Amino acid sequence: MGFSSPNLAVYHLDKLVELGIVEKVAGEYHVTQIVDVGVLKQFTKVRGFVFPRQIIYASMWTSLFIFYLYEFRAWNFYSFFAFLFGLLGTLILWFETLNNWLNRPR
């Protein structure tokens, strides 16, 4: 795999054992769980905490929607569609964020 030393490979295998993805039996490593790493592309890690990337977009969209509601003046054709798109965008982004969080690999 191109590791600089065998100890580095053992280190990474031990980390996989800690995560429960691999088990060590009589000095041999065996896969216990197959993880789809493509799912991990939807997550980011900050200071050891892993969270869905969409939470950033959902928070920003929610903040803009709240600001729009705070500055709201009167109902008309344009304000109705601005309200509708703001509400739908907020709901969809939070739904996707929650869905990614619930389906994260454990």
PDB file of N, CA and C in Angstrom:
ATOM      1  N   MET A   1       0.818  -1.203   0.000  1.00  0.00           N
ATOM      2  CA  MET A   1       0.000   0.000   0.000  1.00  0.00           C
ATOM      3  C   MET A   1       0.856   1.260   0.000  1.00  0.00           C
ATOM      4  N   GLY A   2       2.136   1.101   0.006  1.00  0.00           N
ATOM      5  CA  GLY A   2       3.007   2.265  -0.076  1.00  0.00           C
ATOM      6  C   GLY A   2       3.314   2.913   1.261  1.00  0.00           C
ATOM      7  N   PHE A   3       3.124   2.203   2.384  1.00  0.00           N
ATOM      8  CA  PHE A   3       3.478   2.757   3.687  1.00  0.00           C
ATOM      9  C   PHE A   3       4.993   2.822   3.819  1.00  0.00           C
ATOM     10  N   SER A   4       5.470   3.768   4.588  1.00  0.00           N
ATOM     11  CA  SER A   4       6.913   3.932   4.750  1.00  0.00           C
ATOM     12  C   SER A   4       7.537   2.852   5.635  1.00  0.00           C
ATOM     13  N   SER A   5       6.723   2.211   6.480  1.00  0.00           N
ATOM     14  CA  SER A   5       7.251   1.138   7.332  1.00  0.00           C
ATOM     15  C   SER A   5       6.117   0.183   7.709  1.00  0.00           C
ATOM     16  N   PRO A   6       6.466  -1.057   8.085  1.00  0.00           N
ATOM     17  CA  PRO A   6       5.440  -2.004   8.518  1.00  0.00           C
ATOM     18  C   PRO A   6       4.718  -1.554   9.784  1.00  0.00           C
ATOM     19  N   ASN A   7       5.412  -0.815  10.644  1.00  0.00           N
ATOM     20  CA  ASN A   7       4.781  -0.322  11.876  1.00  0.00           C
ATOM     21  C   ASN A   7       3.620   0.620  11.584  1.00  0.00           C
ATOM     22  N   LEU A   8       3.749   1.380  10.515  1.00  0.00           N
ATOM     23  CA  LEU A   8       2.670   2.295  10.145  1.00  0.00           C
ATOM     24  C   LEU A   8       1.432   1.510   9.713  1.00  0.00           C
ATOM     25  N   ALA A   9       1.628   0.407   8.996  1.00  0.00           N
ATOM     26  CA  ALA A   9       0.505  -0.443   8.600  1.00  0.00           C
ATOM     27  C   ALA A   9      -0.167  -1.048   9.828  1.00  0.00           C
ATOM     28  N   VAL A  10       0.623  -1.512  10.796  1.00  0.00           N
ATOM     29  CA  VAL A  10       0.075  -2.075  12.033  1.00  0.00           C
ATOM     30  C   VAL A  10      -0.701  -1.013  12.805  1.00  0.00           C
ATOM     31  N   TYR A  11      -0.181   0.195  12.839  1.00  0.00           N
ATOM     32  CA  TYR A  11      -0.865   1.306  13.517  1.00  0.00           C
ATOM     33  C   TYR A  11      -2.266   1.507  12.922  1.00  0.00           C
ATOM     34  N   HIS A  12      -2.350   1.560  11.583  1.00  0.00           N
ATOM     35  CA  HIS A  12      -3.643   1.786  10.939  1.00  0.00           C
ATOM     36  C   HIS A  12      -4.574   0.584  11.121  1.00  0.00           C
ATOM     37  N   LEU A  13      -4.027  -0.612  11.089  1.00  0.00           N
ATOM     38  CA  LEU A  13      -4.858  -1.793  11.343  1.00  0.00           C
ATOM     39  C   LEU A  13      -5.400  -1.795  12.765  1.00  0.00           C
ATOM     40  N   ASP A  14      -4.583  -1.370  13.732  1.00  0.00           N
ATOM     41  CA  ASP A  14      -5.054  -1.280  15.115  1.00  0.00           C
ATOM     42  C   ASP A  14      -6.163  -0.243  15.263  1.00  0.00           C
ATOM     43  N   LYS A  15      -6.068   0.853  14.509  1.00  0.00           N
ATOM     44  CA  LYS A  15      -7.137   1.864  14.526  1.00  0.00           C
ATOM     45  C   LYS A  15      -8.441   1.272  13.968  1.00  0.00           C
ATOM     46  N   LEU A  16      -8.334   0.455  12.933  1.00  0.00           N
ATOM     47  CA  LEU A  16      -9.525  -0.195  12.374  1.00  0.00           C
ATOM     48  C   LEU A  16     -10.110  -1.199  13.368  1.00  0.00           C
ATOM     49  N   VAL A  17      -9.254  -1.835  14.152  1.00  0.00           N
ATOM     50  CA  VAL A  17      -9.734  -2.745  15.205  1.00  0.00           C
ATOM     51  C   VAL A  17     -10.506  -1.953  16.253  1.00  0.00           C
ATOM     52  N   GLU A  18      -9.984  -0.787  16.652  1.00  0.00           N
ATOM     53  CA  GLU A  18     -10.662   0.066  17.640  1.00  0.00           C
ATOM     54  C   GLU A  18     -12.038   0.511  17.143  1.00  0.00           C
ATOM     55  N   LEU A  19     -12.159   0.749  15.839  1.00  0.00           N
ATOM     56  CA  LEU A  19     -13.436   1.180  15.259  1.00  0.00           C
ATOM     57  C   LEU A  19     -14.409   0.029  15.061  1.00  0.00           C
ATOM     58  N   GLY A  20     -13.923  -1.209  15.209  1.00  0.00           N
ATOM     59  CA  GLY A  20     -14.788  -2.365  15.050  1.00  0.00           C
ATOM     60  C   GLY A  20     -14.968  -2.807  13.611  1.00  0.00           C
ATOM     61  N   ILE A  21     -14.155  -2.275  12.717  1.00  0.00           N
ATOM     62  CA  ILE A  21     -14.250  -2.632  11.303  1.00  0.00           C
ATOM     63  C   ILE A  21     -13.454  -3.894  11.014  1.00  0.00           C
ATOM     64  N   VAL A  22     -12.395  -4.094  11.780  1.00  0.00           N
ATOM     65  CA  VAL A  22     -11.504  -5.243  11.617  1.00  0.00           C
ATOM     66  C   VAL A  22     -11.331  -5.884  12.979  1.00  0.00           C
ATOM     67  N   GLU A  23     -11.151  -7.222  13.000  1.00  0.00           N
ATOM     68  CA  GLU A  23     -10.834  -7.898  14.253  1.00  0.00           C
ATOM     69  C   GLU A  23      -9.518  -8.659  14.090  1.00  0.00           C
ATOM     70  N   LYS A  24      -8.797  -8.765  15.185  1.00  0.00           N
ATOM     71  CA  LYS A  24      -7.513  -9.456  15.167  1.00  0.00           C
ATOM     72  C   LYS A  24      -7.685 -10.795  15.863  1.00  0.00           C
ATOM     73  N   VAL A  25      -7.459 -11.881  15.111  1.00  0.00           N
ATOM     74  CA  VAL A  25      -7.608 -13.231  15.636  1.00  0.00           C
ATOM     75  C   VAL A  25      -6.308 -13.984  15.363  1.00  0.00           C
ATOM     76  N   ALA A  26      -5.657 -14.403  16.430  1.00  0.00           N
ATOM     77  CA  ALA A  26      -4.409 -15.185  16.326  1.00  0.00           C
ATOM     78  C   ALA A  26      -3.383 -14.503  15.429  1.00  0.00           C
ATOM     79  N   GLY A  27      -3.253 -13.184  15.578  1.00  0.00           N
ATOM     80  CA  GLY A  27      -2.249 -12.444  14.822  1.00  0.00           C
ATOM     81  C   GLY A  27      -2.653 -12.086  13.407  1.00  0.00           C
ATOM     82  N   GLU A  28      -3.845 -12.481  12.997  1.00  0.00           N
ATOM     83  CA  GLU A  28      -4.334 -12.155  11.657  1.00  0.00           C
ATOM     84  C   GLU A  28      -5.502 -11.188  11.762  1.00  0.00           C
ATOM     85  N   TYR A  29      -5.608 -10.320  10.779  1.00  0.00           N
ATOM     86  CA  TYR A  29      -6.683  -9.335  10.747  1.00  0.00           C
ATOM     87  C   TYR A  29      -7.774  -9.799   9.791  1.00  0.00           C
ATOM     88  N   HIS A  30      -9.029  -9.697  10.254  1.00  0.00           N
ATOM     89  CA  HIS A  30     -10.183 -10.097   9.447  1.00  0.00           C
ATOM     90  C   HIS A  30     -11.208  -8.966   9.453  1.00  0.00           C
ATOM     91  N   VAL A  31     -11.762  -8.696   8.279  1.00  0.00           N
ATOM     92  CA  VAL A  31     -12.779  -7.649   8.144  1.00  0.00           C
ATOM     93  C   VAL A  31     -14.080  -8.144   8.766  1.00  0.00           C
ATOM     94  N   THR A  32     -14.661  -7.307   9.647  1.00  0.00           N
ATOM     95  CA  THR A  32     -15.932  -7.659  10.286  1.00  0.00           C
ATOM     96  C   THR A  32     -17.090  -6.821   9.746  1.00  0.00           C
ATOM     97  N   GLN A  33     -16.761  -5.658   9.208  1.00  0.00           N
ATOM     98  CA  GLN A  33     -17.813  -4.751   8.731  1.00  0.00           C
ATOM     99  C   GLN A  33     -17.296  -4.018   7.510  1.00  0.00           C
ATOM    100  N   ILE A  34     -18.079  -4.017   6.449  1.00  0.00           N
ATOM    101  CA  ILE A  34     -17.717  -3.279   5.249  1.00  0.00           C
ATOM    102  C   ILE A  34     -18.367  -1.901   5.334  1.00  0.00           C
ATOM    103  N   VAL A  35     -17.550  -0.871   5.184  1.00  0.00           N
ATOM    104  CA  VAL A  35     -18.029   0.507   5.297  1.00  0.00           C
ATOM    105  C   VAL A  35     -17.933   1.174   3.935  1.00  0.00           C
ATOM    106  N   ASP A  36     -19.020   1.803   3.523  1.00  0.00           N
ATOM    107  CA  ASP A  36     -19.029   2.556   2.275  1.00  0.00           C
ATOM    108  C   ASP A  36     -18.390   3.917   2.541  1.00  0.00           C
ATOM    109  N   VAL A  37     -17.140   4.093   2.126  1.00  0.00           N
ATOM    110  CA  VAL A  37     -16.433   5.339   2.422  1.00  0.00           C
ATOM    111  C   VAL A  37     -16.946   6.502   1.593  1.00  0.00           C
ATOM    112  N   GLY A  38     -17.717   6.212   0.530  1.00  0.00           N
ATOM    113  CA  GLY A  38     -18.308   7.293  -0.248  1.00  0.00           C
ATOM    114  C   GLY A  38     -19.257   8.145   0.578  1.00  0.00           C
ATOM    115  N   VAL A  39     -19.865   7.540   1.588  1.00  0.00           N
ATOM    116  CA  VAL A  39     -20.769   8.259   2.482  1.00  0.00           C
ATOM    117  C   VAL A  39     -19.992   9.298   3.288  1.00  0.00           C
ATOM    118  N   LEU A  40     -18.732   9.016   3.580  1.00  0.00           N
ATOM    119  CA  LEU A  40     -17.927   9.924   4.403  1.00  0.00           C
ATOM    120  C   LEU A  40     -17.627  11.246   3.707  1.00  0.00           C
ATOM    121  N   LYS A  41     -17.807  11.308   2.402  1.00  0.00           N
ATOM    122  CA  LYS A  41     -17.584  12.557   1.677  1.00  0.00           C
ATOM    123  C   LYS A  41     -18.573  13.630   2.106  1.00  0.00           C
ATOM    124  N   GLN A  42     -19.692  13.230   2.670  1.00  0.00           N
ATOM    125  CA  GLN A  42     -20.721  14.175   3.103  1.00  0.00           C
ATOM    126  C   GLN A  42     -20.466  14.727   4.501  1.00  0.00           C
ATOM    127  N   PHE A  43     -19.348  14.345   5.120  1.00  0.00           N
ATOM    128  CA  PHE A  43     -19.049  14.755   6.486  1.00  0.00           C
ATOM    129  C   PHE A  43     -17.732  15.497   6.551  1.00  0.00           C
ATOM    130  N   THR A  44     -17.596  16.310   7.579  1.00  0.00           N
ATOM    131  CA  THR A  44     -16.348  17.010   7.837  1.00  0.00           C
ATOM    132  C   THR A  44     -16.011  16.857   9.313  1.00  0.00           C
ATOM    133  N   LYS A  45     -14.741  16.983   9.639  1.00  0.00           N
ATOM    134  CA  LYS A  45     -14.293  16.778  11.010  1.00  0.00           C
ATOM    135  C   LYS A  45     -13.606  18.049  11.501  1.00  0.00           C
ATOM    136  N   VAL A  46     -14.061  18.541  12.647  1.00  0.00           N
ATOM    137  CA  VAL A  46     -13.466  19.716  13.277  1.00  0.00           C
ATOM    138  C   VAL A  46     -13.217  19.393  14.741  1.00  0.00           C
ATOM    139  N   ARG A  47     -11.966  19.430  15.139  1.00  0.00           N
ATOM    140  CA  ARG A  47     -11.555  19.172  16.524  1.00  0.00           C
ATOM    141  C   ARG A  47     -12.119  17.856  17.065  1.00  0.00           C
ATOM    142  N   GLY A  48     -12.094  16.828  16.244  1.00  0.00           N
ATOM    143  CA  GLY A  48     -12.528  15.516  16.680  1.00  0.00           C
ATOM    144  C   GLY A  48     -14.020  15.257  16.565  1.00  0.00           C
ATOM    145  N   PHE A  49     -14.802  16.273  16.222  1.00  0.00           N
ATOM    146  CA  PHE A  49     -16.242  16.090  16.077  1.00  0.00           C
ATOM    147  C   PHE A  49     -16.587  15.990  14.597  1.00  0.00           C
ATOM    148  N   VAL A  50     -17.286  14.953  14.219  1.00  0.00           N
ATOM    149  CA  VAL A  50     -17.681  14.738  12.830  1.00  0.00           C
ATOM    150  C   VAL A  50     -19.131  15.170  12.672  1.00  0.00           C
ATOM    151  N   PHE A  51     -19.395  15.996  11.660  1.00  0.00           N
ATOM    152  CA  PHE A  51     -20.763  16.441  11.417  1.00  0.00           C
ATOM    153  C   PHE A  51     -21.010  16.570   9.916  1.00  0.00           C
ATOM    154  N   PRO A  52     -22.283  16.510   9.501  1.00  0.00           N
ATOM    155  CA  PRO A  52     -22.603  16.624   8.075  1.00  0.00           C
ATOM    156  C   PRO A  52     -22.232  17.997   7.532  1.00  0.00           C
ATOM    157  N   ARG A  53     -21.715  18.026   6.325  1.00  0.00           N
ATOM    158  CA  ARG A  53     -21.325  19.293   5.709  1.00  0.00           C
ATOM    159  C   ARG A  53     -22.530  20.184   5.458  1.00  0.00           C
ATOM    160  N   GLN A  54     -23.696  19.591   5.236  1.00  0.00           N
ATOM    161  CA  GLN A  54     -24.887  20.377   4.951  1.00  0.00           C
ATOM    162  C   GLN A  54     -25.310  21.242   6.123  1.00  0.00           C
ATOM    163  N   ILE A  55     -24.837  20.936   7.323  1.00  0.00           N
ATOM    164  CA  ILE A  55     -25.252  21.734   8.490  1.00  0.00           C
ATOM    165  C   ILE A  55     -24.785  23.177   8.345  1.00  0.00           C
ATOM    166  N   ILE A  56     -23.675  23.382   7.662  1.00  0.00           N
ATOM    167  CA  ILE A  56     -23.174  24.742   7.430  1.00  0.00           C
ATOM    168  C   ILE A  56     -24.146  25.489   6.516  1.00  0.00           C
ATOM    169  N   TYR A  57     -24.544  24.837   5.428  1.00  0.00           N
ATOM    170  CA  TYR A  57     -25.468  25.470   4.485  1.00  0.00           C
ATOM    171  C   TYR A  57     -26.851  25.663   5.099  1.00  0.00           C
ATOM    172  N   ALA A  58     -27.304  24.670   5.852  1.00  0.00           N
ATOM    173  CA  ALA A  58     -28.619  24.776   6.494  1.00  0.00           C
ATOM    174  C   ALA A  58     -28.636  25.921   7.502  1.00  0.00           C
ATOM    175  N   SER A  59     -27.566  26.070   8.270  1.00  0.00           N
ATOM    176  CA  SER A  59     -27.493  27.163   9.247  1.00  0.00           C
ATOM    177  C   SER A  59     -27.472  28.521   8.557  1.00  0.00           C
ATOM    178  N   MET A  60     -26.705  28.626   7.478  1.00  0.00           N
ATOM    179  CA  MET A  60     -26.626  29.899   6.754  1.00  0.00           C
ATOM    180  C   MET A  60     -27.988  30.245   6.138  1.00  0.00           C
ATOM    181  N   TRP A  61     -28.633  29.271   5.499  1.00  0.00           N
ATOM    182  CA  TRP A  61     -29.930  29.514   4.864  1.00  0.00           C
ATOM    183  C   TRP A  61     -30.982  29.883   5.909  1.00  0.00           C
ATOM    184  N   THR A  62     -30.930  29.213   7.064  1.00  0.00           N
ATOM    185  CA  THR A  62     -31.870  29.509   8.148  1.00  0.00           C
ATOM    186  C   THR A  62     -31.652  30.922   8.674  1.00  0.00           C
ATOM    187  N   SER A  63     -30.402  31.323   8.825  1.00  0.00           N
ATOM    188  CA  SER A  63     -30.099  32.683   9.284  1.00  0.00           C
ATOM    189  C   SER A  63     -30.631  33.718   8.310  1.00  0.00           C
ATOM    190  N   LEU A  64     -30.437  33.477   7.021  1.00  0.00           N
ATOM    191  CA  LEU A  64     -30.958  34.419   6.024  1.00  0.00           C
ATOM    192  C   LEU A  64     -32.476  34.467   6.035  1.00  0.00           C
ATOM    193  N   PHE A  65     -33.116  33.335   6.225  1.00  0.00           N
ATOM    194  CA  PHE A  65     -34.578  33.291   6.277  1.00  0.00           C
ATOM    195  C   PHE A  65     -35.103  34.038   7.508  1.00  0.00           C
ATOM    196  N   ILE A  66     -34.460  33.855   8.636  1.00  0.00           N
ATOM    197  CA  ILE A  66     -34.858  34.576   9.857  1.00  0.00           C
ATOM    198  C   ILE A  66     -34.666  36.073   9.672  1.00  0.00           C
ATOM    199  N   PHE A  67     -33.554  36.466   9.040  1.00  0.00           N
ATOM    200  CA  PHE A  67     -33.327  37.886   8.770  1.00  0.00           C
ATOM    201  C   PHE A  67     -34.422  38.432   7.850  1.00  0.00           C
ATOM    202  N   TYR A  68     -34.804  37.639   6.837  1.00  0.00           N
ATOM    203  CA  TYR A  68     -35.887  38.067   5.950  1.00  0.00           C
ATOM    204  C   TYR A  68     -37.184  38.264   6.739  1.00  0.00           C
ATOM    205  N   LEU A  69     -37.500  37.339   7.621  1.00  0.00           N
ATOM    206  CA  LEU A  69     -38.722  37.472   8.421  1.00  0.00           C
ATOM    207  C   LEU A  69     -38.660  38.681   9.343  1.00  0.00           C
ATOM    208  N   TYR A  70     -37.475  38.978   9.862  1.00  0.00           N
ATOM    209  CA  TYR A  70     -37.302  40.138  10.742  1.00  0.00           C
ATOM    210  C   TYR A  70     -37.512  41.437   9.966  1.00  0.00           C
ATOM    211  N   GLU A  71     -37.047  41.470   8.737  1.00  0.00           N
ATOM    212  CA  GLU A  71     -37.147  42.679   7.918  1.00  0.00           C
ATOM    213  C   GLU A  71     -38.418  42.731   7.078  1.00  0.00           C
ATOM    214  N   PHE A  72     -39.289  41.759   7.244  1.00  0.00           N
ATOM    215  CA  PHE A  72     -40.499  41.671   6.432  1.00  0.00           C
ATOM    216  C   PHE A  72     -41.376  42.907   6.635  1.00  0.00           C
ATOM    217  N   ARG A  73     -41.905  43.456   5.517  1.00  0.00           N
ATOM    218  CA  ARG A  73     -42.728  44.668   5.592  1.00  0.00           C
ATOM    219  C   ARG A  73     -44.185  44.423   5.218  1.00  0.00           C
ATOM    220  N   ALA A  74     -44.426  43.863   4.044  1.00  0.00           N
ATOM    221  CA  ALA A  74     -45.814  43.697   3.584  1.00  0.00           C
ATOM    222  C   ALA A  74     -45.888  42.544   2.592  1.00  0.00           C
ATOM    223  N   TRP A  75     -47.068  41.926   2.533  1.00  0.00           N
ATOM    224  CA  TRP A  75     -47.271  40.830   1.591  1.00  0.00           C
ATOM    225  C   TRP A  75     -47.523  41.383   0.205  1.00  0.00           C
ATOM    226  N   ASN A  76     -46.811  40.864  -0.758  1.00  0.00           N
ATOM    227  CA  ASN A  76     -47.099  41.112  -2.162  1.00  0.00           C
ATOM    228  C   ASN A  76     -46.610  39.893  -2.947  1.00  0.00           C
ATOM    229  N   PHE A  77     -46.676  39.964  -4.240  1.00  0.00           N
ATOM    230  CA  PHE A  77     -46.301  38.839  -5.080  1.00  0.00           C
ATOM    231  C   PHE A  77     -44.861  38.389  -4.814  1.00  0.00           C
ATOM    232  N   TYR A  78     -43.937  39.330  -4.744  1.00  0.00           N
ATOM    233  CA  TYR A  78     -42.512  39.010  -4.578  1.00  0.00           C
ATOM    234  C   TYR A  78     -42.200  38.527  -3.157  1.00  0.00           C
ATOM    235  N   SER A  79     -42.826  39.132  -2.174  1.00  0.00           N
ATOM    236  CA  SER A  79     -42.551  38.703  -0.798  1.00  0.00           C
ATOM    237  C   SER A  79     -43.099  37.300  -0.539  1.00  0.00           C
ATOM    238  N   PHE A  80     -44.211  36.949  -1.206  1.00  0.00           N
ATOM    239  CA  PHE A  80     -44.758  35.601  -1.065  1.00  0.00           C
ATOM    240  C   PHE A  80     -43.765  34.563  -1.586  1.00  0.00           C
ATOM    241  N   PHE A  81     -43.203  34.794  -2.779  1.00  0.00           N
ATOM    242  CA  PHE A  81     -42.258  33.836  -3.337  1.00  0.00           C
ATOM    243  C   PHE A  81     -40.935  33.827  -2.578  1.00  0.00           C
ATOM    244  N   ALA A  82     -40.514  34.961  -2.071  1.00  0.00           N
ATOM    245  CA  ALA A  82     -39.305  34.992  -1.242  1.00  0.00           C
ATOM    246  C   ALA A  82     -39.528  34.175   0.028  1.00  0.00           C
ATOM    247  N   PHE A  83     -40.696  34.330   0.638  1.00  0.00           N
ATOM    248  CA  PHE A  83     -41.036  33.549   1.828  1.00  0.00           C
ATOM    249  C   PHE A  83     -41.091  32.061   1.500  1.00  0.00           C
ATOM    250  N   LEU A  84     -41.738  31.713   0.387  1.00  0.00           N
ATOM    251  CA  LEU A  84     -41.887  30.321  -0.013  1.00  0.00           C
ATOM    252  C   LEU A  84     -40.527  29.667  -0.279  1.00  0.00           C
ATOM    253  N   PHE A  85     -39.668  30.330  -1.049  1.00  0.00           N
ATOM    254  CA  PHE A  85     -38.345  29.773  -1.338  1.00  0.00           C
ATOM    255  C   PHE A  85     -37.480  29.709  -0.085  1.00  0.00           C
ATOM    256  N   GLY A  86     -37.585  30.695   0.774  1.00  0.00           N
ATOM    257  CA  GLY A  86     -36.827  30.659   2.028  1.00  0.00           C
ATOM    258  C   GLY A  86     -37.259  29.509   2.916  1.00  0.00           C
ATOM    259  N   LEU A  87     -38.562  29.319   3.044  1.00  0.00           N
ATOM    260  CA  LEU A  87     -39.077  28.238   3.880  1.00  0.00           C
ATOM    261  C   LEU A  87     -38.733  26.870   3.294  1.00  0.00           C
ATOM    262  N   LEU A  88     -38.955  26.688   1.986  1.00  0.00           N
ATOM    263  CA  LEU A  88     -38.655  25.405   1.358  1.00  0.00           C
ATOM    264  C   LEU A  88     -37.156  25.094   1.405  1.00  0.00           C
ATOM    265  N   GLY A  89     -36.328  26.080   1.135  1.00  0.00           N
ATOM    266  CA  GLY A  89     -34.879  25.877   1.200  1.00  0.00           C
ATOM    267  C   GLY A  89     -34.431  25.470   2.591  1.00  0.00           C
ATOM    268  N   THR A  90     -34.965  26.133   3.596  1.00  0.00           N
ATOM    269  CA  THR A  90     -34.629  25.807   4.983  1.00  0.00           C
ATOM    270  C   THR A  90     -35.056  24.390   5.327  1.00  0.00           C
ATOM    271  N   LEU A  91     -36.285  24.037   5.001  1.00  0.00           N
ATOM    272  CA  LEU A  91     -36.787  22.696   5.319  1.00  0.00           C
ATOM    273  C   LEU A  91     -36.012  21.600   4.586  1.00  0.00           C
ATOM    274  N   ILE A  92     -35.734  21.803   3.313  1.00  0.00           N
ATOM    275  CA  ILE A  92     -35.015  20.792   2.533  1.00  0.00           C
ATOM    276  C   ILE A  92     -33.594  20.612   3.056  1.00  0.00           C
ATOM    277  N   LEU A  93     -32.899  21.700   3.322  1.00  0.00           N
ATOM    278  CA  LEU A  93     -31.521  21.594   3.820  1.00  0.00           C
ATOM    279  C   LEU A  93     -31.461  20.910   5.181  1.00  0.00           C
ATOM    280  N   TRP A  94     -32.377  21.236   6.086  1.00  0.00           N
ATOM    281  CA  TRP A  94     -32.369  20.575   7.395  1.00  0.00           C
ATOM    282  C   TRP A  94     -32.783  19.111   7.290  1.00  0.00           C
ATOM    283  N   PHE A  95     -33.695  18.799   6.362  1.00  0.00           N
ATOM    284  CA  PHE A  95     -34.077  17.404   6.143  1.00  0.00           C
ATOM    285  C   PHE A  95     -32.872  16.598   5.660  1.00  0.00           C
ATOM    286  N   GLU A  96     -32.133  17.123   4.681  1.00  0.00           N
ATOM    287  CA  GLU A  96     -30.948  16.429   4.163  1.00  0.00           C
ATOM    288  C   GLU A  96     -29.866  16.304   5.230  1.00  0.00           C
ATOM    289  N   THR A  97     -29.691  17.328   6.040  1.00  0.00           N
ATOM    290  CA  THR A  97     -28.702  17.272   7.115  1.00  0.00           C
ATOM    291  C   THR A  97     -29.059  16.182   8.108  1.00  0.00           C
ATOM    292  N   LEU A  98     -30.308  16.142   8.524  1.00  0.00           N
ATOM    293  CA  LEU A  98     -30.754  15.120   9.473  1.00  0.00           C
ATOM    294  C   LEU A  98     -30.656  13.721   8.859  1.00  0.00           C
ATOM    295  N   ASN A  99     -31.023  13.593   7.596  1.00  0.00           N
ATOM    296  CA  ASN A  99     -30.939  12.314   6.913  1.00  0.00           C
ATOM    297  C   ASN A  99     -29.494  11.810   6.843  1.00  0.00           C
ATOM    298  N   ASN A 100     -28.555  12.683   6.504  1.00  0.00           N
ATOM    299  CA  ASN A 100     -27.139  12.294   6.481  1.00  0.00           C
ATOM    300  C   ASN A 100     -26.653  11.918   7.871  1.00  0.00           C
ATOM    301  N   TRP A 101     -27.084  12.642   8.884  1.00  0.00           N
ATOM    302  CA  TRP A 101     -26.652  12.363  10.250  1.00  0.00           C
ATOM    303  C   TRP A 101     -27.152  11.000  10.713  1.00  0.00           C
ATOM    304  N   LEU A 102     -28.394  10.688  10.404  1.00  0.00           N
ATOM    305  CA  LEU A 102     -28.966   9.413  10.835  1.00  0.00           C
ATOM    306  C   LEU A 102     -28.399   8.227  10.065  1.00  0.00           C
ATOM    307  N   ASN A 103     -27.922   8.458   8.836  1.00  0.00           N
ATOM    308  CA  ASN A 103     -27.377   7.388   8.017  1.00  0.00           C
ATOM    309  C   ASN A 103     -25.852   7.342   8.019  1.00  0.00           C
ATOM    310  N   ARG A 104     -25.230   8.032   8.950  1.00  0.00           N
ATOM    311  CA  ARG A 104     -23.769   8.056   8.996  1.00  0.00           C
ATOM    312  C   ARG A 104     -23.227   6.675   9.402  1.00  0.00           C
ATOM    313  N   PRO A 105     -22.034   6.349   8.933  1.00  0.00           N
ATOM    314  CA  PRO A 105     -21.426   5.079   9.376  1.00  0.00           C
ATOM    315  C   PRO A 105     -21.046   5.160  10.836  1.00  0.00           C
ATOM    316  N   ARG A 106     -21.243   4.093  11.540  1.00  0.00           N
ATOM    317  CA  ARG A 106     -20.939   4.091  12.986  1.00  0.00           C
ATOM    318  C   ARG A 106     -19.832   3.139  13.300  1.00  0.00           C
TER     319      ARG A 106
END
